[in-house]
Amino acid sequence: MRALPPPHRALALSLAVLAGYVDSLGFLQLGGVFVSFMSGNSTRLAASLAEGRWAAAGGLAGILILFVMGSFFGALIARGQQGRSRSRVLAFEGGLLTLAALASWTGHKPVAIGLMVMAMAAENSVFLRNGEVAVSLTYMTGTLVKLGQSLAAAVMGGDRWGFGPYLVLWAGLTGGAVVEALTFGRLGLAALWPAAAFAFLLAVVTRFSRAA
């Protein structure tokens, strides 16, 4: 995050807000299951297997598989012309969220959830470096580790404000989650429409800006 130029930092923050928004929507809809935080879902899967709750385990396993698929397709789309790869991935994410909104509108909520999972996985391919994720956008464990490490460096005489980008990224995801949680009671899964629109907006802006 610290190595990114300002336009890319702004894009990363915007995507963290979007990820927090969508993950909060999925979490509230599913009653405690995530659409982007697969570490938590893996723990829940293990607990469900240990307790013999096979239906719950099957659902969680399906979410994990869909997440891997979304990451797979996102990485494929990100290959090629680096200057346009970010906008292509964002357009793909926007398309998945639009399909999720349509599925929810027609009463196919499980399909909508699956598409949300794939969209969140694909988002992590926006900032690929040598085929690996350079910035965590939909999960904050690594970001919080780096935040703590940057604070330690500041105490030891290093960069006093090096923790700032990590704190801002975490705040973006948390803020997006708060916004969605406040609107969930009124919109439900219809809240996917503004999320899809925002993803497409970022795709267009990224395509024609230095954030590409």
N, C-alpha and C. Protein backbone atom coordinates (compact mmCIF):
# COMPACT_ATOMS: atom_id res chain seq x y z
N MET A 1 0.82 -1.21 0.00
CA MET A 1 0.00 0.00 0.00
C MET A 1 0.86 1.26 0.00
N ARG A 2 1.90 1.27 0.82
CA ARG A 2 2.75 2.45 0.92
C ARG A 2 3.51 2.71 -0.38
N ALA A 3 3.77 1.64 -1.14
CA ALA A 3 4.54 1.79 -2.38
C ALA A 3 3.69 2.28 -3.54
N LEU A 4 2.38 2.33 -3.37
CA LEU A 4 1.50 2.74 -4.47
C LEU A 4 1.54 4.25 -4.66
N PRO A 5 1.47 4.72 -5.93
CA PRO A 5 1.34 6.16 -6.18
C PRO A 5 -0.05 6.64 -5.72
N PRO A 6 -0.22 7.94 -5.51
CA PRO A 6 -1.50 8.47 -5.00
C PRO A 6 -2.75 8.02 -5.75
N PRO A 7 -2.76 8.02 -7.11
CA PRO A 7 -3.98 7.55 -7.80
C PRO A 7 -4.34 6.11 -7.45
N HIS A 8 -3.32 5.27 -7.32
CA HIS A 8 -3.57 3.87 -6.98
C HIS A 8 -4.02 3.72 -5.53
N ARG A 9 -3.52 4.58 -4.66
CA ARG A 9 -3.98 4.53 -3.27
C ARG A 9 -5.45 4.90 -3.19
N ALA A 10 -5.86 5.90 -3.96
CA ALA A 10 -7.27 6.31 -3.97
C ALA A 10 -8.15 5.18 -4.48
N LEU A 11 -7.67 4.47 -5.51
CA LEU A 11 -8.43 3.34 -6.04
C LEU A 11 -8.52 2.23 -5.01
N ALA A 12 -7.41 1.93 -4.34
CA ALA A 12 -7.41 0.88 -3.32
C ALA A 12 -8.39 1.22 -2.20
N LEU A 13 -8.41 2.48 -1.78
CA LEU A 13 -9.35 2.89 -0.73
C LEU A 13 -10.79 2.72 -1.19
N SER A 14 -11.08 3.13 -2.42
CA SER A 14 -12.44 2.99 -2.96
C SER A 14 -12.86 1.53 -3.01
N LEU A 15 -11.93 0.66 -3.39
CA LEU A 15 -12.25 -0.77 -3.47
C LEU A 15 -12.43 -1.39 -2.09
N ALA A 16 -11.68 -0.89 -1.11
CA ALA A 16 -11.87 -1.37 0.26
C ALA A 16 -13.26 -1.00 0.77
N VAL A 17 -13.70 0.22 0.45
CA VAL A 17 -15.06 0.65 0.83
C VAL A 17 -16.09 -0.27 0.19
N LEU A 18 -15.92 -0.54 -1.11
CA LEU A 18 -16.85 -1.43 -1.83
C LEU A 18 -16.84 -2.82 -1.22
N ALA A 19 -15.67 -3.33 -0.89
CA ALA A 19 -15.57 -4.67 -0.31
C ALA A 19 -16.26 -4.74 1.04
N GLY A 20 -16.06 -3.72 1.87
CA GLY A 20 -16.72 -3.69 3.17
C GLY A 20 -18.23 -3.65 3.03
N TYR A 21 -18.69 -2.87 2.06
CA TYR A 21 -20.13 -2.75 1.80
C TYR A 21 -20.74 -4.09 1.39
N VAL A 22 -20.11 -4.75 0.42
CA VAL A 22 -20.66 -6.02 -0.09
C VAL A 22 -20.53 -7.12 0.95
N ASP A 23 -19.41 -7.15 1.67
CA ASP A 23 -19.24 -8.21 2.67
C ASP A 23 -20.24 -8.04 3.80
N SER A 24 -20.51 -6.81 4.20
CA SER A 24 -21.50 -6.57 5.24
C SER A 24 -22.88 -7.02 4.77
N LEU A 25 -23.19 -6.76 3.51
CA LEU A 25 -24.47 -7.18 2.94
C LEU A 25 -24.60 -8.70 2.99
N GLY A 26 -23.56 -9.40 2.54
CA GLY A 26 -23.60 -10.85 2.57
C GLY A 26 -23.67 -11.40 3.98
N PHE A 27 -22.91 -10.81 4.88
CA PHE A 27 -22.87 -11.26 6.27
C PHE A 27 -24.25 -11.15 6.92
N LEU A 28 -24.92 -10.03 6.69
CA LEU A 28 -26.24 -9.83 7.29
C LEU A 28 -27.28 -10.73 6.64
N GLN A 29 -27.18 -10.92 5.34
CA GLN A 29 -28.13 -11.78 4.64
C GLN A 29 -27.99 -13.24 5.06
N LEU A 30 -26.75 -13.68 5.26
CA LEU A 30 -26.48 -15.09 5.58
C LEU A 30 -26.44 -15.36 7.08
N GLY A 31 -26.55 -14.32 7.89
CA GLY A 31 -26.57 -14.52 9.33
C GLY A 31 -25.25 -14.97 9.92
N GLY A 32 -24.15 -14.37 9.44
CA GLY A 32 -22.86 -14.67 10.04
C GLY A 32 -21.87 -15.39 9.15
N VAL A 33 -22.20 -15.56 7.88
CA VAL A 33 -21.27 -16.15 6.91
C VAL A 33 -20.76 -15.04 6.00
N PHE A 34 -19.48 -15.08 5.68
CA PHE A 34 -18.87 -14.01 4.90
C PHE A 34 -18.88 -14.32 3.41
N VAL A 35 -18.82 -13.25 2.59
CA VAL A 35 -18.66 -13.44 1.15
C VAL A 35 -17.25 -13.06 0.70
N SER A 36 -16.41 -12.59 1.61
CA SER A 36 -15.04 -12.26 1.22
C SER A 36 -13.99 -12.77 2.22
N PHE A 37 -14.37 -12.94 3.46
CA PHE A 37 -13.41 -13.33 4.50
C PHE A 37 -13.39 -14.85 4.62
N MET A 38 -12.54 -15.50 3.82
CA MET A 38 -12.55 -16.95 3.75
C MET A 38 -11.86 -17.63 4.93
N SER A 39 -11.03 -16.90 5.66
CA SER A 39 -10.45 -17.49 6.88
C SER A 39 -11.55 -17.77 7.89
N GLY A 40 -12.44 -16.81 8.06
CA GLY A 40 -13.56 -17.01 8.98
C GLY A 40 -14.47 -18.14 8.52
N ASN A 41 -14.73 -18.20 7.21
CA ASN A 41 -15.58 -19.27 6.69
C ASN A 41 -14.91 -20.64 6.83
N SER A 42 -13.58 -20.69 6.70
CA SER A 42 -12.87 -21.96 6.86
C SER A 42 -12.98 -22.45 8.30
N THR A 43 -12.89 -21.52 9.24
CA THR A 43 -13.05 -21.89 10.65
C THR A 43 -14.46 -22.40 10.92
N ARG A 44 -15.45 -21.72 10.34
CA ARG A 44 -16.83 -22.17 10.51
C ARG A 44 -17.05 -23.53 9.86
N LEU A 45 -16.41 -23.76 8.72
CA LEU A 45 -16.51 -25.06 8.05
C LEU A 45 -15.97 -26.16 8.96
N ALA A 46 -14.80 -25.92 9.55
CA ALA A 46 -14.20 -26.91 10.43
C ALA A 46 -15.10 -27.21 11.62
N ALA A 47 -15.67 -26.15 12.21
CA ALA A 47 -16.56 -26.33 13.35
C ALA A 47 -17.81 -27.11 12.95
N SER A 48 -18.35 -26.80 11.76
CA SER A 48 -19.55 -27.50 11.29
C SER A 48 -19.27 -28.98 11.06
N LEU A 49 -18.11 -29.28 10.50
CA LEU A 49 -17.75 -30.68 10.28
C LEU A 49 -17.59 -31.43 11.60
N ALA A 50 -16.94 -30.75 12.56
CA ALA A 50 -16.72 -31.39 13.86
C ALA A 50 -18.02 -31.65 14.59
N GLU A 51 -19.01 -30.79 14.38
CA GLU A 51 -20.30 -30.92 15.05
C GLU A 51 -21.31 -31.73 14.26
N GLY A 52 -20.90 -32.18 13.08
CA GLY A 52 -21.80 -33.00 12.28
C GLY A 52 -22.92 -32.22 11.61
N ARG A 53 -22.74 -30.93 11.41
CA ARG A 53 -23.75 -30.11 10.73
C ARG A 53 -23.40 -30.10 9.24
N TRP A 54 -23.81 -31.16 8.56
CA TRP A 54 -23.36 -31.40 7.20
C TRP A 54 -23.93 -30.39 6.21
N ALA A 55 -25.17 -29.96 6.40
CA ALA A 55 -25.75 -28.99 5.47
C ALA A 55 -25.00 -27.67 5.53
N ALA A 56 -24.70 -27.22 6.75
CA ALA A 56 -23.96 -25.97 6.91
C ALA A 56 -22.56 -26.10 6.32
N ALA A 57 -21.92 -27.26 6.56
CA ALA A 57 -20.59 -27.49 6.02
C ALA A 57 -20.60 -27.48 4.50
N GLY A 58 -21.63 -28.08 3.92
CA GLY A 58 -21.72 -28.10 2.46
C GLY A 58 -21.86 -26.70 1.88
N GLY A 59 -22.69 -25.88 2.53
CA GLY A 59 -22.85 -24.50 2.06
C GLY A 59 -21.55 -23.72 2.14
N LEU A 60 -20.84 -23.87 3.23
CA LEU A 60 -19.57 -23.17 3.40
C LEU A 60 -18.52 -23.66 2.41
N ALA A 61 -18.49 -24.96 2.17
CA ALA A 61 -17.56 -25.51 1.18
C ALA A 61 -17.85 -24.94 -0.20
N GLY A 62 -19.13 -24.81 -0.51
CA GLY A 62 -19.52 -24.23 -1.79
C GLY A 62 -19.04 -22.79 -1.93
N ILE A 63 -19.15 -22.01 -0.85
CA ILE A 63 -18.68 -20.63 -0.87
C ILE A 63 -17.18 -20.57 -1.09
N LEU A 64 -16.44 -21.45 -0.43
CA LEU A 64 -14.99 -21.48 -0.60
C LEU A 64 -14.61 -21.82 -2.05
N ILE A 65 -15.31 -22.76 -2.64
CA ILE A 65 -15.04 -23.15 -4.02
C ILE A 65 -15.32 -21.98 -4.97
N LEU A 66 -16.44 -21.30 -4.75
CA LEU A 66 -16.80 -20.16 -5.60
C LEU A 66 -15.79 -19.03 -5.46
N PHE A 67 -15.26 -18.85 -4.26
CA PHE A 67 -14.26 -17.81 -4.06
C PHE A 67 -13.00 -18.11 -4.87
N VAL A 68 -12.57 -19.36 -4.84
CA VAL A 68 -11.40 -19.76 -5.63
C VAL A 68 -11.67 -19.55 -7.12
N MET A 69 -12.88 -19.88 -7.56
CA MET A 69 -13.24 -19.68 -8.97
C MET A 69 -13.19 -18.20 -9.34
N GLY A 70 -13.73 -17.35 -8.46
CA GLY A 70 -13.70 -15.92 -8.73
C GLY A 70 -12.28 -15.39 -8.81
N SER A 71 -11.42 -15.86 -7.94
CA SER A 71 -10.02 -15.46 -7.97
C SER A 71 -9.35 -15.95 -9.25
N PHE A 72 -9.70 -17.16 -9.66
CA PHE A 72 -9.15 -17.73 -10.89
C PHE A 72 -9.50 -16.87 -12.10
N PHE A 73 -10.77 -16.55 -12.25
CA PHE A 73 -11.21 -15.75 -13.40
C PHE A 73 -10.67 -14.32 -13.32
N GLY A 74 -10.61 -13.76 -12.11
CA GLY A 74 -10.07 -12.42 -11.96
C GLY A 74 -8.62 -12.35 -12.39
N ALA A 75 -7.83 -13.36 -12.01
CA ALA A 75 -6.42 -13.40 -12.39
C ALA A 75 -6.25 -13.56 -13.90
N LEU A 76 -7.11 -14.37 -14.52
CA LEU A 76 -7.04 -14.53 -15.98
C LEU A 76 -7.34 -13.21 -16.68
N ILE A 77 -8.37 -12.51 -16.20
CA ILE A 77 -8.76 -11.25 -16.83
C ILE A 77 -7.70 -10.18 -16.63
N ALA A 78 -6.97 -10.26 -15.53
CA ALA A 78 -5.95 -9.26 -15.23
C ALA A 78 -4.69 -9.44 -16.07
N ARG A 79 -4.54 -10.55 -16.72
CA ARG A 79 -3.35 -10.80 -17.53
C ARG A 79 -3.39 -9.95 -18.79
N GLY A 80 -2.22 -9.75 -19.40
CA GLY A 80 -2.16 -9.05 -20.68
C GLY A 80 -1.75 -7.61 -20.52
N GLN A 81 -2.50 -6.71 -21.15
CA GLN A 81 -2.17 -5.29 -21.14
C GLN A 81 -2.32 -4.72 -19.73
N GLN A 82 -1.19 -4.45 -19.09
CA GLN A 82 -1.23 -4.00 -17.70
C GLN A 82 -1.98 -2.69 -17.54
N GLY A 83 -1.87 -1.80 -18.54
CA GLY A 83 -2.52 -0.50 -18.44
C GLY A 83 -4.03 -0.60 -18.40
N ARG A 84 -4.60 -1.69 -18.90
CA ARG A 84 -6.05 -1.83 -18.92
C ARG A 84 -6.56 -2.95 -18.01
N SER A 85 -5.63 -3.67 -17.39
CA SER A 85 -6.05 -4.84 -16.63
C SER A 85 -6.95 -4.47 -15.45
N ARG A 86 -6.65 -3.38 -14.77
CA ARG A 86 -7.46 -3.00 -13.61
C ARG A 86 -8.89 -2.67 -14.01
N SER A 87 -9.05 -1.94 -15.09
CA SER A 87 -10.40 -1.59 -15.53
C SER A 87 -11.17 -2.83 -15.98
N ARG A 88 -10.47 -3.79 -16.59
CA ARG A 88 -11.15 -5.02 -17.01
C ARG A 88 -11.63 -5.81 -15.80
N VAL A 89 -10.79 -5.93 -14.79
CA VAL A 89 -11.19 -6.66 -13.59
C VAL A 89 -12.37 -5.96 -12.91
N LEU A 90 -12.33 -4.64 -12.85
CA LEU A 90 -13.42 -3.90 -12.22
C LEU A 90 -14.72 -4.05 -13.00
N ALA A 91 -14.63 -4.06 -14.34
CA ALA A 91 -15.82 -4.27 -15.15
C ALA A 91 -16.39 -5.67 -14.91
N PHE A 92 -15.50 -6.65 -14.79
CA PHE A 92 -15.93 -8.02 -14.49
C PHE A 92 -16.63 -8.07 -13.14
N GLU A 93 -16.05 -7.41 -12.15
CA GLU A 93 -16.67 -7.37 -10.82
C GLU A 93 -18.04 -6.70 -10.89
N GLY A 94 -18.11 -5.57 -11.62
CA GLY A 94 -19.40 -4.90 -11.76
C GLY A 94 -20.44 -5.78 -12.43
N GLY A 95 -20.00 -6.56 -13.43
CA GLY A 95 -20.92 -7.47 -14.10
C GLY A 95 -21.44 -8.55 -13.16
N LEU A 96 -20.55 -9.11 -12.35
CA LEU A 96 -20.97 -10.13 -11.39
C LEU A 96 -21.96 -9.56 -10.37
N LEU A 97 -21.69 -8.35 -9.89
CA LEU A 97 -22.60 -7.74 -8.91
C LEU A 97 -23.95 -7.39 -9.55
N THR A 98 -23.93 -7.01 -10.82
CA THR A 98 -25.19 -6.75 -11.52
C THR A 98 -26.00 -8.03 -11.67
N LEU A 99 -25.34 -9.11 -12.05
CA LEU A 99 -26.03 -10.40 -12.15
C LEU A 99 -26.56 -10.84 -10.79
N ALA A 100 -25.79 -10.56 -9.73
CA ALA A 100 -26.24 -10.90 -8.39
C ALA A 100 -27.50 -10.12 -8.03
N ALA A 101 -27.52 -8.84 -8.39
CA ALA A 101 -28.71 -8.01 -8.12
C ALA A 101 -29.91 -8.53 -8.89
N LEU A 102 -29.71 -8.93 -10.14
CA LEU A 102 -30.80 -9.48 -10.94
C LEU A 102 -31.29 -10.80 -10.36
N ALA A 103 -30.36 -11.64 -9.92
CA ALA A 103 -30.75 -12.92 -9.34
C ALA A 103 -31.58 -12.71 -8.07
N SER A 104 -31.18 -11.76 -7.26
CA SER A 104 -31.94 -11.46 -6.04
C SER A 104 -33.33 -10.94 -6.39
N TRP A 105 -33.39 -10.07 -7.38
CA TRP A 105 -34.66 -9.46 -7.79
C TRP A 105 -35.65 -10.50 -8.30
N THR A 106 -35.11 -11.56 -8.93
CA THR A 106 -35.98 -12.62 -9.44
C THR A 106 -36.20 -13.75 -8.43
N GLY A 107 -35.70 -13.56 -7.21
CA GLY A 107 -35.96 -14.52 -6.15
C GLY A 107 -34.93 -15.63 -6.03
N HIS A 108 -33.81 -15.53 -6.71
CA HIS A 108 -32.78 -16.57 -6.65
C HIS A 108 -31.64 -16.10 -5.74
N LYS A 109 -31.92 -16.02 -4.46
CA LYS A 109 -30.94 -15.47 -3.52
C LYS A 109 -29.67 -16.30 -3.39
N PRO A 110 -29.73 -17.64 -3.39
CA PRO A 110 -28.48 -18.41 -3.34
C PRO A 110 -27.55 -18.10 -4.52
N VAL A 111 -28.14 -17.92 -5.71
CA VAL A 111 -27.33 -17.56 -6.88
C VAL A 111 -26.70 -16.19 -6.67
N ALA A 112 -27.48 -15.27 -6.11
CA ALA A 112 -26.97 -13.92 -5.85
C ALA A 112 -25.78 -13.97 -4.90
N ILE A 113 -25.89 -14.77 -3.86
CA ILE A 113 -24.79 -14.89 -2.90
C ILE A 113 -23.54 -15.45 -3.57
N GLY A 114 -23.72 -16.48 -4.39
CA GLY A 114 -22.59 -17.08 -5.09
C GLY A 114 -21.88 -16.08 -5.99
N LEU A 115 -22.64 -15.26 -6.68
CA LEU A 115 -22.06 -14.25 -7.56
C LEU A 115 -21.34 -13.16 -6.75
N MET A 116 -21.88 -12.83 -5.58
CA MET A 116 -21.20 -11.87 -4.70
C MET A 116 -19.85 -12.40 -4.25
N VAL A 117 -19.82 -13.68 -3.91
CA VAL A 117 -18.56 -14.30 -3.49
C VAL A 117 -17.52 -14.21 -4.60
N MET A 118 -17.92 -14.54 -5.82
CA MET A 118 -17.00 -14.50 -6.94
C MET A 118 -16.53 -13.07 -7.23
N ALA A 119 -17.43 -12.11 -7.07
CA ALA A 119 -17.06 -10.71 -7.29
C ALA A 119 -16.01 -10.25 -6.30
N MET A 120 -16.18 -10.62 -5.03
CA MET A 120 -15.21 -10.23 -4.02
C MET A 120 -13.86 -10.88 -4.26
N ALA A 121 -13.86 -12.13 -4.70
CA ALA A 121 -12.60 -12.80 -5.00
C ALA A 121 -11.90 -12.14 -6.17
N ALA A 122 -12.67 -11.81 -7.21
CA ALA A 122 -12.09 -11.20 -8.40
C ALA A 122 -11.48 -9.84 -8.09
N GLU A 123 -12.07 -9.10 -7.16
CA GLU A 123 -11.58 -7.75 -6.84
C GLU A 123 -10.11 -7.78 -6.41
N ASN A 124 -9.69 -8.85 -5.77
CA ASN A 124 -8.32 -8.92 -5.30
C ASN A 124 -7.30 -9.01 -6.43
N SER A 125 -7.76 -9.19 -7.67
CA SER A 125 -6.85 -9.21 -8.81
C SER A 125 -6.62 -7.84 -9.41
N VAL A 126 -7.23 -6.80 -8.83
CA VAL A 126 -7.03 -5.45 -9.36
C VAL A 126 -5.57 -5.03 -9.23
N PHE A 127 -4.95 -5.38 -8.11
CA PHE A 127 -3.55 -5.04 -7.90
C PHE A 127 -2.71 -6.32 -7.85
N LEU A 128 -2.50 -6.90 -9.00
CA LEU A 128 -1.63 -8.07 -9.09
C LEU A 128 -0.21 -7.63 -9.43
N ARG A 129 0.76 -8.27 -8.78
CA ARG A 129 2.16 -8.00 -9.08
C ARG A 129 2.88 -9.34 -9.18
N ASN A 130 3.38 -9.62 -10.39
CA ASN A 130 4.03 -10.91 -10.65
C ASN A 130 3.09 -12.08 -10.33
N GLY A 131 1.81 -11.88 -10.64
CA GLY A 131 0.84 -12.95 -10.45
C GLY A 131 0.32 -13.11 -9.03
N GLU A 132 0.75 -12.23 -8.11
CA GLU A 132 0.31 -12.33 -6.72
C GLU A 132 -0.32 -11.02 -6.27
N VAL A 133 -1.20 -11.11 -5.28
CA VAL A 133 -1.91 -9.94 -4.77
C VAL A 133 -0.93 -9.00 -4.08
N ALA A 134 -0.89 -7.74 -4.54
CA ALA A 134 0.02 -6.76 -3.96
C ALA A 134 -0.65 -5.97 -2.83
N VAL A 135 -1.97 -5.81 -2.90
CA VAL A 135 -2.72 -5.08 -1.89
C VAL A 135 -3.95 -5.88 -1.51
N SER A 136 -4.12 -6.16 -0.23
CA SER A 136 -5.31 -6.87 0.24
C SER A 136 -6.49 -5.90 0.26
N LEU A 137 -7.53 -6.22 -0.49
CA LEU A 137 -8.66 -5.30 -0.62
C LEU A 137 -9.91 -5.78 0.10
N THR A 138 -10.12 -7.09 0.16
CA THR A 138 -11.35 -7.60 0.74
C THR A 138 -11.13 -8.27 2.09
N TYR A 139 -9.89 -8.28 2.58
CA TYR A 139 -9.60 -8.84 3.90
C TYR A 139 -8.49 -8.00 4.52
N MET A 140 -8.57 -7.80 5.82
CA MET A 140 -7.72 -6.82 6.48
C MET A 140 -6.69 -7.42 7.44
N THR A 141 -6.58 -8.73 7.53
CA THR A 141 -5.62 -9.32 8.47
C THR A 141 -4.20 -8.86 8.17
N GLY A 142 -3.78 -9.00 6.91
CA GLY A 142 -2.44 -8.57 6.54
C GLY A 142 -2.24 -7.08 6.71
N THR A 143 -3.28 -6.32 6.41
CA THR A 143 -3.19 -4.86 6.55
C THR A 143 -3.00 -4.47 8.02
N LEU A 144 -3.71 -5.13 8.92
CA LEU A 144 -3.58 -4.81 10.34
C LEU A 144 -2.21 -5.25 10.88
N VAL A 145 -1.69 -6.36 10.35
CA VAL A 145 -0.33 -6.77 10.73
C VAL A 145 0.67 -5.70 10.33
N LYS A 146 0.54 -5.20 9.09
CA LYS A 146 1.45 -4.15 8.62
C LYS A 146 1.24 -2.85 9.39
N LEU A 147 0.02 -2.59 9.80
CA LEU A 147 -0.25 -1.42 10.63
C LEU A 147 0.52 -1.50 11.94
N GLY A 148 0.44 -2.65 12.59
CA GLY A 148 1.18 -2.84 13.84
C GLY A 148 2.68 -2.75 13.65
N GLN A 149 3.17 -3.34 12.55
CA GLN A 149 4.60 -3.30 12.28
C GLN A 149 5.07 -1.88 11.99
N SER A 150 4.24 -1.10 11.30
CA SER A 150 4.59 0.29 11.00
C SER A 150 4.60 1.13 12.27
N LEU A 151 3.69 0.85 13.19
CA LEU A 151 3.68 1.56 14.47
C LEU A 151 4.95 1.24 15.26
N ALA A 152 5.37 -0.03 15.22
CA ALA A 152 6.60 -0.42 15.91
C ALA A 152 7.80 0.29 15.30
N ALA A 153 7.82 0.39 13.97
CA ALA A 153 8.91 1.08 13.30
C ALA A 153 8.94 2.56 13.68
N ALA A 154 7.76 3.17 13.81
CA ALA A 154 7.69 4.58 14.19
C ALA A 154 8.25 4.79 15.60
N VAL A 155 7.91 3.88 16.50
CA VAL A 155 8.41 3.97 17.87
C VAL A 155 9.93 3.83 17.91
N MET A 156 10.47 3.05 17.00
CA MET A 156 11.91 2.80 16.97
C MET A 156 12.68 3.84 16.16
N GLY A 157 11.99 4.91 15.77
CA GLY A 157 12.66 6.00 15.06
C GLY A 157 12.49 5.97 13.56
N GLY A 158 11.65 5.10 13.05
CA GLY A 158 11.41 5.02 11.61
C GLY A 158 10.39 6.06 11.16
N ASP A 159 9.77 5.80 10.04
CA ASP A 159 8.78 6.70 9.46
C ASP A 159 7.63 6.90 10.47
N ARG A 160 7.43 8.15 10.90
CA ARG A 160 6.43 8.43 11.93
C ARG A 160 5.01 8.19 11.44
N TRP A 161 4.80 8.36 10.14
CA TRP A 161 3.43 8.25 9.60
C TRP A 161 3.30 7.09 8.62
N GLY A 162 4.21 6.15 8.69
CA GLY A 162 4.15 5.02 7.77
C GLY A 162 2.92 4.14 7.96
N PHE A 163 2.32 4.22 9.13
CA PHE A 163 1.12 3.41 9.40
C PHE A 163 -0.11 3.97 8.72
N GLY A 164 -0.05 5.24 8.30
CA GLY A 164 -1.23 5.93 7.78
C GLY A 164 -1.98 5.21 6.68
N PRO A 165 -1.31 4.79 5.60
CA PRO A 165 -2.02 4.12 4.50
C PRO A 165 -2.75 2.86 4.94
N TYR A 166 -2.17 2.11 5.86
CA TYR A 166 -2.82 0.88 6.33
C TYR A 166 -4.04 1.20 7.19
N LEU A 167 -3.92 2.23 8.01
CA LEU A 167 -5.05 2.64 8.83
C LEU A 167 -6.20 3.13 7.96
N VAL A 168 -5.88 3.90 6.92
CA VAL A 168 -6.90 4.43 6.02
C VAL A 168 -7.59 3.29 5.27
N LEU A 169 -6.82 2.30 4.82
CA LEU A 169 -7.40 1.18 4.09
C LEU A 169 -8.37 0.41 4.99
N TRP A 170 -7.96 0.15 6.23
CA TRP A 170 -8.85 -0.54 7.17
C TRP A 170 -10.10 0.28 7.43
N ALA A 171 -9.93 1.59 7.61
CA ALA A 171 -11.07 2.46 7.88
C ALA A 171 -12.03 2.48 6.69
N GLY A 172 -11.49 2.39 5.47
CA GLY A 172 -12.34 2.36 4.29
C GLY A 172 -13.23 1.13 4.27
N LEU A 173 -12.65 -0.03 4.51
CA LEU A 173 -13.46 -1.26 4.52
C LEU A 173 -14.50 -1.21 5.64
N THR A 174 -14.08 -0.77 6.81
CA THR A 174 -15.00 -0.71 7.95
C THR A 174 -16.11 0.30 7.70
N GLY A 175 -15.74 1.43 7.10
CA GLY A 175 -16.75 2.45 6.80
C GLY A 175 -17.78 1.95 5.81
N GLY A 176 -17.31 1.23 4.77
CA GLY A 176 -18.26 0.67 3.80
C GLY A 176 -19.20 -0.32 4.44
N ALA A 177 -18.69 -1.11 5.36
CA ALA A 177 -19.53 -2.08 6.07
C ALA A 177 -20.58 -1.38 6.92
N VAL A 178 -20.19 -0.28 7.57
CA VAL A 178 -21.14 0.47 8.40
C VAL A 178 -22.25 1.05 7.54
N VAL A 179 -21.90 1.63 6.40
CA VAL A 179 -22.90 2.22 5.51
C VAL A 179 -23.92 1.17 5.09
N GLU A 180 -23.45 0.00 4.68
CA GLU A 180 -24.37 -1.04 4.24
C GLU A 180 -25.24 -1.54 5.39
N ALA A 181 -24.65 -1.72 6.57
CA ALA A 181 -25.40 -2.21 7.71
C ALA A 181 -26.54 -1.26 8.07
N LEU A 182 -26.31 0.03 7.87
CA LEU A 182 -27.34 1.03 8.19
C LEU A 182 -28.48 1.01 7.17
N THR A 183 -28.22 0.50 5.97
CA THR A 183 -29.25 0.50 4.93
C THR A 183 -29.85 -0.88 4.67
N PHE A 184 -29.30 -1.92 5.27
CA PHE A 184 -29.73 -3.28 4.98
C PHE A 184 -31.21 -3.49 5.29
N GLY A 185 -31.67 -2.93 6.40
CA GLY A 185 -33.07 -3.13 6.79
C GLY A 185 -34.05 -2.60 5.77
N ARG A 186 -33.66 -1.58 5.02
CA ARG A 186 -34.56 -0.99 4.03
C ARG A 186 -34.41 -1.61 2.64
N LEU A 187 -33.17 -1.94 2.27
CA LEU A 187 -32.93 -2.38 0.90
C LEU A 187 -32.74 -3.88 0.75
N GLY A 188 -32.20 -4.55 1.77
CA GLY A 188 -31.88 -5.96 1.63
C GLY A 188 -30.87 -6.16 0.51
N LEU A 189 -31.03 -7.21 -0.26
CA LEU A 189 -30.10 -7.48 -1.35
C LEU A 189 -30.23 -6.50 -2.51
N ALA A 190 -31.27 -5.67 -2.49
CA ALA A 190 -31.37 -4.61 -3.51
C ALA A 190 -30.23 -3.62 -3.38
N ALA A 191 -29.55 -3.64 -2.24
CA ALA A 191 -28.38 -2.78 -2.06
C ALA A 191 -27.24 -3.17 -2.99
N LEU A 192 -27.38 -4.28 -3.71
CA LEU A 192 -26.37 -4.68 -4.68
C LEU A 192 -26.32 -3.72 -5.88
N TRP A 193 -27.43 -3.08 -6.19
CA TRP A 193 -27.46 -2.20 -7.36
C TRP A 193 -26.46 -1.05 -7.24
N PRO A 194 -26.46 -0.28 -6.14
CA PRO A 194 -25.44 0.77 -6.03
C PRO A 194 -24.02 0.23 -5.99
N ALA A 195 -23.83 -0.97 -5.42
CA ALA A 195 -22.49 -1.57 -5.40
C ALA A 195 -22.02 -1.86 -6.82
N ALA A 196 -22.91 -2.42 -7.64
CA ALA A 196 -22.56 -2.71 -9.03
C ALA A 196 -22.26 -1.43 -9.80
N ALA A 197 -23.09 -0.41 -9.58
CA ALA A 197 -22.88 0.87 -10.26
C ALA A 197 -21.54 1.48 -9.87
N PHE A 198 -21.17 1.36 -8.60
CA PHE A 198 -19.90 1.91 -8.13
C PHE A 198 -18.72 1.17 -8.76
N ALA A 199 -18.83 -0.14 -8.88
CA ALA A 199 -17.77 -0.92 -9.52
C ALA A 199 -17.58 -0.51 -10.97
N PHE A 200 -18.69 -0.32 -11.70
CA PHE A 200 -18.58 0.11 -13.10
C PHE A 200 -18.01 1.53 -13.19
N LEU A 201 -18.40 2.40 -12.26
CA LEU A 201 -17.85 3.75 -12.24
C LEU A 201 -16.33 3.71 -12.05
N LEU A 202 -15.88 2.89 -11.12
CA LEU A 202 -14.44 2.76 -10.90
C LEU A 202 -13.74 2.19 -12.14
N ALA A 203 -14.40 1.28 -12.84
CA ALA A 203 -13.83 0.73 -14.07
C ALA A 203 -13.62 1.81 -15.11
N VAL A 204 -14.61 2.67 -15.27
CA VAL A 204 -14.52 3.75 -16.27
C VAL A 204 -13.45 4.76 -15.86
N VAL A 205 -13.48 5.19 -14.61
CA VAL A 205 -12.51 6.16 -14.13
C VAL A 205 -11.10 5.61 -14.24
N THR A 206 -10.92 4.35 -13.87
CA THR A 206 -9.61 3.72 -13.95
C THR A 206 -9.11 3.61 -15.38
N ARG A 207 -10.02 3.30 -16.28
CA ARG A 207 -9.64 3.15 -17.70
C ARG A 207 -9.08 4.45 -18.27
N PHE A 208 -9.61 5.58 -17.84
CA PHE A 208 -9.22 6.86 -18.44
C PHE A 208 -8.42 7.76 -17.48
N SER A 209 -7.80 7.16 -16.51
CA SER A 209 -7.01 7.95 -15.56
C SER A 209 -5.67 7.28 -15.32
N ARG A 210 -4.83 7.93 -14.51
CA ARG A 210 -3.52 7.38 -14.18
C ARG A 210 -3.63 6.16 -13.29
N ALA A 211 -4.83 5.90 -12.73
CA ALA A 211 -5.02 4.73 -11.88
C ALA A 211 -5.08 3.44 -12.69
N ALA A 212 -5.07 3.56 -14.02
CA ALA A 212 -5.11 2.36 -14.86
C ALA A 212 -3.83 1.55 -14.70
